[in-house]
């Protein structure tokens, strides 16, 4: 891959990938909060399920918008590569989420006058941290493997 910073096409792809990531984050946070709130799932399990929902929407958005010129591979092959890379992303994300949750919970519990549930706020902050960490893994590895059939 050419140098991403000096190549305008790669910078544009990264910005599109990040834009898709914003949509994925909305899917992720919405799913996470529905699962932990009304459905009462444990946060660690909920973040894994919300990740799966976001990955699904992101794959199709990336295939058709971020990398529209990447069509030499079938959707099944490309989807399998994307899924494998994102499973590694989930393996990276989960401990980051757990560790960040503990840190943020310890910090948030000091404030008993917050207008929101401190544990929920801590979990959402941890989710944002985990998403940010995995963004770079997902872009660079997917660019090298899933979407390597374009210049």
C-alpha atoms as a PDB file:
ATOM      1  CA  UNK A   1       0.000   0.000   0.000  1.00  0.00           C
ATOM      2  CA  UNK A   2       1.294   3.427  -0.865  1.00  0.00           C
ATOM      3  CA  UNK A   3       1.924   5.902   1.882  1.00  0.00           C
ATOM      4  CA  UNK A   4      -1.500   6.746   3.205  1.00  0.00           C
ATOM      5  CA  UNK A   5      -0.540  10.273   4.300  1.00  0.00           C
ATOM      6  CA  UNK A   6       0.885  11.333   0.938  1.00  0.00           C
ATOM      7  CA  UNK A   7      -1.724   9.646  -1.267  1.00  0.00           C
ATOM      8  CA  UNK A   8      -4.924  11.705  -1.661  1.00  0.00           C
ATOM      9  CA  UNK A   9      -6.896   8.635  -2.786  1.00  0.00           C
ATOM     10  CA  UNK A  10      -5.921   6.704   0.361  1.00  0.00           C
ATOM     11  CA  UNK A  11      -6.698   9.685   2.608  1.00  0.00           C
ATOM     12  CA  UNK A  12     -10.105   9.929   0.936  1.00  0.00           C
ATOM     13  CA  UNK A  13     -10.693   6.217   1.501  1.00  0.00           C
ATOM     14  CA  UNK A  14      -9.689   6.549   5.142  1.00  0.00           C
ATOM     15  CA  UNK A  15     -12.074   9.488   5.607  1.00  0.00           C
ATOM     16  CA  UNK A  16     -14.887   7.517   3.972  1.00  0.00           C
ATOM     17  CA  UNK A  17     -13.990   4.519   6.137  1.00  0.00           C
ATOM     18  CA  UNK A  18     -14.146   6.795   9.199  1.00  0.00           C
ATOM     19  CA  UNK A  19     -17.521   8.156   7.985  1.00  0.00           C
ATOM     20  CA  UNK A  20     -18.815   4.616   7.693  1.00  0.00           C
ATOM     21  CA  UNK A  21     -17.381   4.119  11.173  1.00  0.00           C
ATOM     22  CA  UNK A  22     -19.568   6.964  12.448  1.00  0.00           C
ATOM     23  CA  UNK A  23     -22.641   5.188  11.064  1.00  0.00           C
ATOM     24  CA  UNK A  24     -21.354   1.939  12.555  1.00  0.00           C
ATOM     25  CA  UNK A  25     -20.829   3.678  15.886  1.00  0.00           C
ATOM     26  CA  UNK A  26     -24.434   4.838  15.870  1.00  0.00           C
ATOM     27  CA  UNK A  27     -25.524   1.252  15.185  1.00  0.00           C
ATOM     28  CA  UNK A  28     -23.099   0.030  17.852  1.00  0.00           C
ATOM     29  CA  UNK A  29     -24.169   2.483  20.576  1.00  0.00           C
ATOM     30  CA  UNK A  30     -27.874   2.127  19.810  1.00  0.00           C
ATOM     31  CA  UNK A  31     -27.714  -1.667  19.883  1.00  0.00           C
ATOM     32  CA  UNK A  32     -25.504  -1.660  22.987  1.00  0.00           C
ATOM     33  CA  UNK A  33     -27.828   0.644  24.922  1.00  0.00           C
ATOM     34  CA  UNK A  34     -30.930  -1.311  23.906  1.00  0.00           C
ATOM     35  CA  UNK A  35     -29.283  -4.554  24.994  1.00  0.00           C
ATOM     36  CA  UNK A  36     -27.990  -3.230  28.325  1.00  0.00           C
ATOM     37  CA  UNK A  37     -30.994  -1.032  29.094  1.00  0.00           C
ATOM     38  CA  UNK A  38     -34.407  -2.513  28.306  1.00  0.00           C
ATOM     39  CA  UNK A  39     -33.102  -6.037  27.679  1.00  0.00           C
ATOM     40  CA  UNK A  40     -30.769  -6.073  30.699  1.00  0.00           C
ATOM     41  CA  UNK A  41     -27.841  -7.913  29.121  1.00  0.00           C
ATOM     42  CA  UNK A  42     -24.413  -7.827  30.738  1.00  0.00           C
ATOM     43  CA  UNK A  43     -22.309  -5.036  29.194  1.00  0.00           C
ATOM     44  CA  UNK A  44     -19.471  -7.283  27.981  1.00  0.00           C
ATOM     45  CA  UNK A  45     -21.885  -9.537  26.072  1.00  0.00           C
ATOM     46  CA  UNK A  46     -23.879  -6.563  24.790  1.00  0.00           C
ATOM     47  CA  UNK A  47     -20.761  -4.905  23.354  1.00  0.00           C
ATOM     48  CA  UNK A  48     -19.953  -8.095  21.448  1.00  0.00           C
ATOM     49  CA  UNK A  49     -23.442  -8.274  19.970  1.00  0.00           C
ATOM     50  CA  UNK A  50     -23.525  -4.566  19.165  1.00  0.00           C
ATOM     51  CA  UNK A  51     -20.136  -4.980  17.471  1.00  0.00           C
ATOM     52  CA  UNK A  52     -21.611  -7.699  15.245  1.00  0.00           C
ATOM     53  CA  UNK A  53     -24.473  -5.403  14.221  1.00  0.00           C
ATOM     54  CA  UNK A  54     -22.059  -2.576  13.402  1.00  0.00           C
ATOM     55  CA  UNK A  55     -19.695  -4.850  11.472  1.00  0.00           C
ATOM     56  CA  UNK A  56     -22.564  -6.071   9.294  1.00  0.00           C
ATOM     57  CA  UNK A  57     -23.702  -2.571   8.339  1.00  0.00           C
ATOM     58  CA  UNK A  58     -20.117  -1.373   7.910  1.00  0.00           C
ATOM     59  CA  UNK A  59     -19.212  -4.192   5.530  1.00  0.00           C
ATOM     60  CA  UNK A  60     -21.888  -3.264   3.041  1.00  0.00           C
ATOM     61  CA  UNK A  61     -21.272   0.482   3.351  1.00  0.00           C
ATOM     62  CA  UNK A  62     -17.528  -0.007   2.880  1.00  0.00           C
ATOM     63  CA  UNK A  63     -17.966  -2.376  -0.044  1.00  0.00           C
ATOM     64  CA  UNK A  64     -20.295  -0.042  -1.922  1.00  0.00           C
ATOM     65  CA  UNK A  65     -19.105   3.433  -0.839  1.00  0.00           C
ATOM     66  CA  UNK A  66     -15.571   3.426   0.614  1.00  0.00           C
ATOM     67  CA  UNK A  67     -14.120   0.870  -1.800  1.00  0.00           C
ATOM     68  CA  UNK A  68     -16.566   0.801  -4.757  1.00  0.00           C
ATOM     69  CA  UNK A  69     -13.755  -0.147  -7.145  1.00  0.00           C
ATOM     70  CA  UNK A  70     -13.011  -3.319  -5.157  1.00  0.00           C
ATOM     71  CA  UNK A  71     -15.180  -5.842  -6.959  1.00  0.00           C
ATOM     72  CA  UNK A  72     -12.785  -8.472  -8.302  1.00  0.00           C
ATOM     73  CA  UNK A  73     -13.621 -10.631  -5.262  1.00  0.00           C
ATOM     74  CA  UNK A  74     -17.066 -12.086  -4.660  1.00  0.00           C
ATOM     75  CA  UNK A  75     -19.157 -10.586  -1.882  1.00  0.00           C
ATOM     76  CA  UNK A  76     -18.892 -13.924  -0.045  1.00  0.00           C
ATOM     77  CA  UNK A  77     -15.076 -14.021  -0.184  1.00  0.00           C
ATOM     78  CA  UNK A  78     -14.759 -10.354   0.700  1.00  0.00           C
ATOM     79  CA  UNK A  79     -17.311 -10.750   3.497  1.00  0.00           C
ATOM     80  CA  UNK A  80     -15.414 -13.720   4.947  1.00  0.00           C
ATOM     81  CA  UNK A  81     -12.158 -11.748   4.933  1.00  0.00           C
ATOM     82  CA  UNK A  82     -13.872  -8.757   6.505  1.00  0.00           C
ATOM     83  CA  UNK A  83     -15.454 -10.961   9.167  1.00  0.00           C
ATOM     84  CA  UNK A  84     -12.149 -12.667  10.038  1.00  0.00           C
ATOM     85  CA  UNK A  85     -10.385  -9.318  10.434  1.00  0.00           C
ATOM     86  CA  UNK A  86     -13.233  -7.971  12.529  1.00  0.00           C
ATOM     87  CA  UNK A  87     -13.193 -11.035  14.784  1.00  0.00           C
ATOM     88  CA  UNK A  88      -9.598 -10.120  15.580  1.00  0.00           C
ATOM     89  CA  UNK A  89     -10.870  -6.558  16.087  1.00  0.00           C
ATOM     90  CA  UNK A  90     -13.400  -7.917  18.595  1.00  0.00           C
ATOM     91  CA  UNK A  91     -10.599  -9.802  20.370  1.00  0.00           C
ATOM     92  CA  UNK A  92      -8.715  -6.497  20.642  1.00  0.00           C
ATOM     93  CA  UNK A  93     -11.836  -4.515  21.541  1.00  0.00           C
ATOM     94  CA  UNK A  94     -13.228  -6.671  24.357  1.00  0.00           C
ATOM     95  CA  UNK A  95     -10.316  -6.358  26.814  1.00  0.00           C
ATOM     96  CA  UNK A  96     -10.033  -2.648  25.977  1.00  0.00           C
ATOM     97  CA  UNK A  97     -13.755  -2.305  26.759  1.00  0.00           C
ATOM     98  CA  UNK A  98     -13.475  -4.264  30.031  1.00  0.00           C
ATOM     99  CA  UNK A  99     -10.396  -2.373  31.227  1.00  0.00           C
ATOM    100  CA  UNK A 100     -11.746   1.038  30.205  1.00  0.00           C
ATOM    101  CA  UNK A 101     -15.099   0.232  31.863  1.00  0.00           C
ATOM    102  CA  UNK A 102     -13.354  -0.424  35.165  1.00  0.00           C
ATOM    103  CA  UNK A 103     -11.375   2.802  34.953  1.00  0.00           C
ATOM    104  CA  UNK A 104     -14.375   4.915  33.941  1.00  0.00           C
ATOM    105  CA  UNK A 105     -16.673   3.260  36.505  1.00  0.00           C
ATOM    106  CA  UNK A 106     -14.190   4.009  39.290  1.00  0.00           C
ATOM    107  CA  UNK A 107     -14.049   7.599  38.158  1.00  0.00           C
ATOM    108  CA  UNK A 108     -17.802   8.050  37.586  1.00  0.00           C
ATOM    109  CA  UNK A 109     -18.846   6.541  40.892  1.00  0.00           C
ATOM    110  CA  UNK A 110     -17.179   9.508  42.624  1.00  0.00           C
ATOM    111  CA  UNK A 111     -19.953  11.702  41.264  1.00  0.00           C
ATOM    112  CA  UNK A 112     -23.271  10.912  42.887  1.00  0.00           C
ATOM    113  CA  UNK A 113     -24.995  13.965  41.432  1.00  0.00           C
ATOM    114  CA  UNK A 114     -24.723  13.026  37.761  1.00  0.00           C
ATOM    115  CA  UNK A 115     -28.048  13.327  35.907  1.00  0.00           C
ATOM    116  CA  UNK A 116     -27.400   9.918  34.265  1.00  0.00           C
ATOM    117  CA  UNK A 117     -26.560   6.464  35.519  1.00  0.00           C
ATOM    118  CA  UNK A 118     -22.778   6.556  36.202  1.00  0.00           C
ATOM    119  CA  UNK A 119     -22.343   2.890  35.254  1.00  0.00           C
ATOM    120  CA  UNK A 120     -24.124   3.391  31.932  1.00  0.00           C
ATOM    121  CA  UNK A 121     -22.064   6.500  31.213  1.00  0.00           C
ATOM    122  CA  UNK A 122     -18.850   4.621  32.047  1.00  0.00           C
ATOM    123  CA  UNK A 123     -19.821   1.767  29.737  1.00  0.00           C
ATOM    124  CA  UNK A 124     -20.589   4.158  26.889  1.00  0.00           C
ATOM    125  CA  UNK A 125     -17.267   5.938  27.403  1.00  0.00           C
ATOM    126  CA  UNK A 126     -15.505   2.562  27.403  1.00  0.00           C
ATOM    127  CA  UNK A 127     -17.309   1.605  24.206  1.00  0.00           C
ATOM    128  CA  UNK A 128     -16.161   4.841  22.545  1.00  0.00           C
ATOM    129  CA  UNK A 129     -12.582   4.129  23.626  1.00  0.00           C
ATOM    130  CA  UNK A 130     -12.717   0.576  22.274  1.00  0.00           C
ATOM    131  CA  UNK A 131     -14.216   1.737  18.969  1.00  0.00           C
ATOM    132  CA  UNK A 132     -11.440   4.316  18.537  1.00  0.00           C
ATOM    133  CA  UNK A 133      -8.722   1.737  19.200  1.00  0.00           C
ATOM    134  CA  UNK A 134     -10.126  -0.795  16.735  1.00  0.00           C
ATOM    135  CA  UNK A 135     -10.778   1.779  13.968  1.00  0.00           C
ATOM    136  CA  UNK A 136      -7.132   1.838  12.935  1.00  0.00           C
ATOM    137  CA  UNK A 137      -6.709  -1.951  13.043  1.00  0.00           C
ATOM    138  CA  UNK A 138      -9.817  -2.418  10.917  1.00  0.00           C
ATOM    139  CA  UNK A 139      -8.870   0.146   8.281  1.00  0.00           C
ATOM    140  CA  UNK A 140      -5.263  -0.824   7.701  1.00  0.00           C
ATOM    141  CA  UNK A 141      -5.751  -4.587   7.808  1.00  0.00           C
ATOM    142  CA  UNK A 142      -8.921  -4.525   5.702  1.00  0.00           C
ATOM    143  CA  UNK A 143      -7.152  -2.289   3.190  1.00  0.00           C
ATOM    144  CA  UNK A 144      -4.301  -4.810   2.955  1.00  0.00           C
ATOM    145  CA  UNK A 145      -6.434  -7.968   2.799  1.00  0.00           C
ATOM    146  CA  UNK A 146     -10.122  -7.388   2.073  1.00  0.00           C
ATOM    147  CA  UNK A 147      -9.735  -4.448  -0.296  1.00  0.00           C
ATOM    148  CA  UNK A 148      -6.263  -5.154  -1.721  1.00  0.00           C
ATOM    149  CA  UNK A 149      -7.514  -5.473  -5.310  1.00  0.00           C
ATOM    150  CA  UNK A 150      -7.487  -1.721  -5.980  1.00  0.00           C
ATOM    151  CA  UNK A 151      -4.756   0.904  -6.410  1.00  0.00           C
END
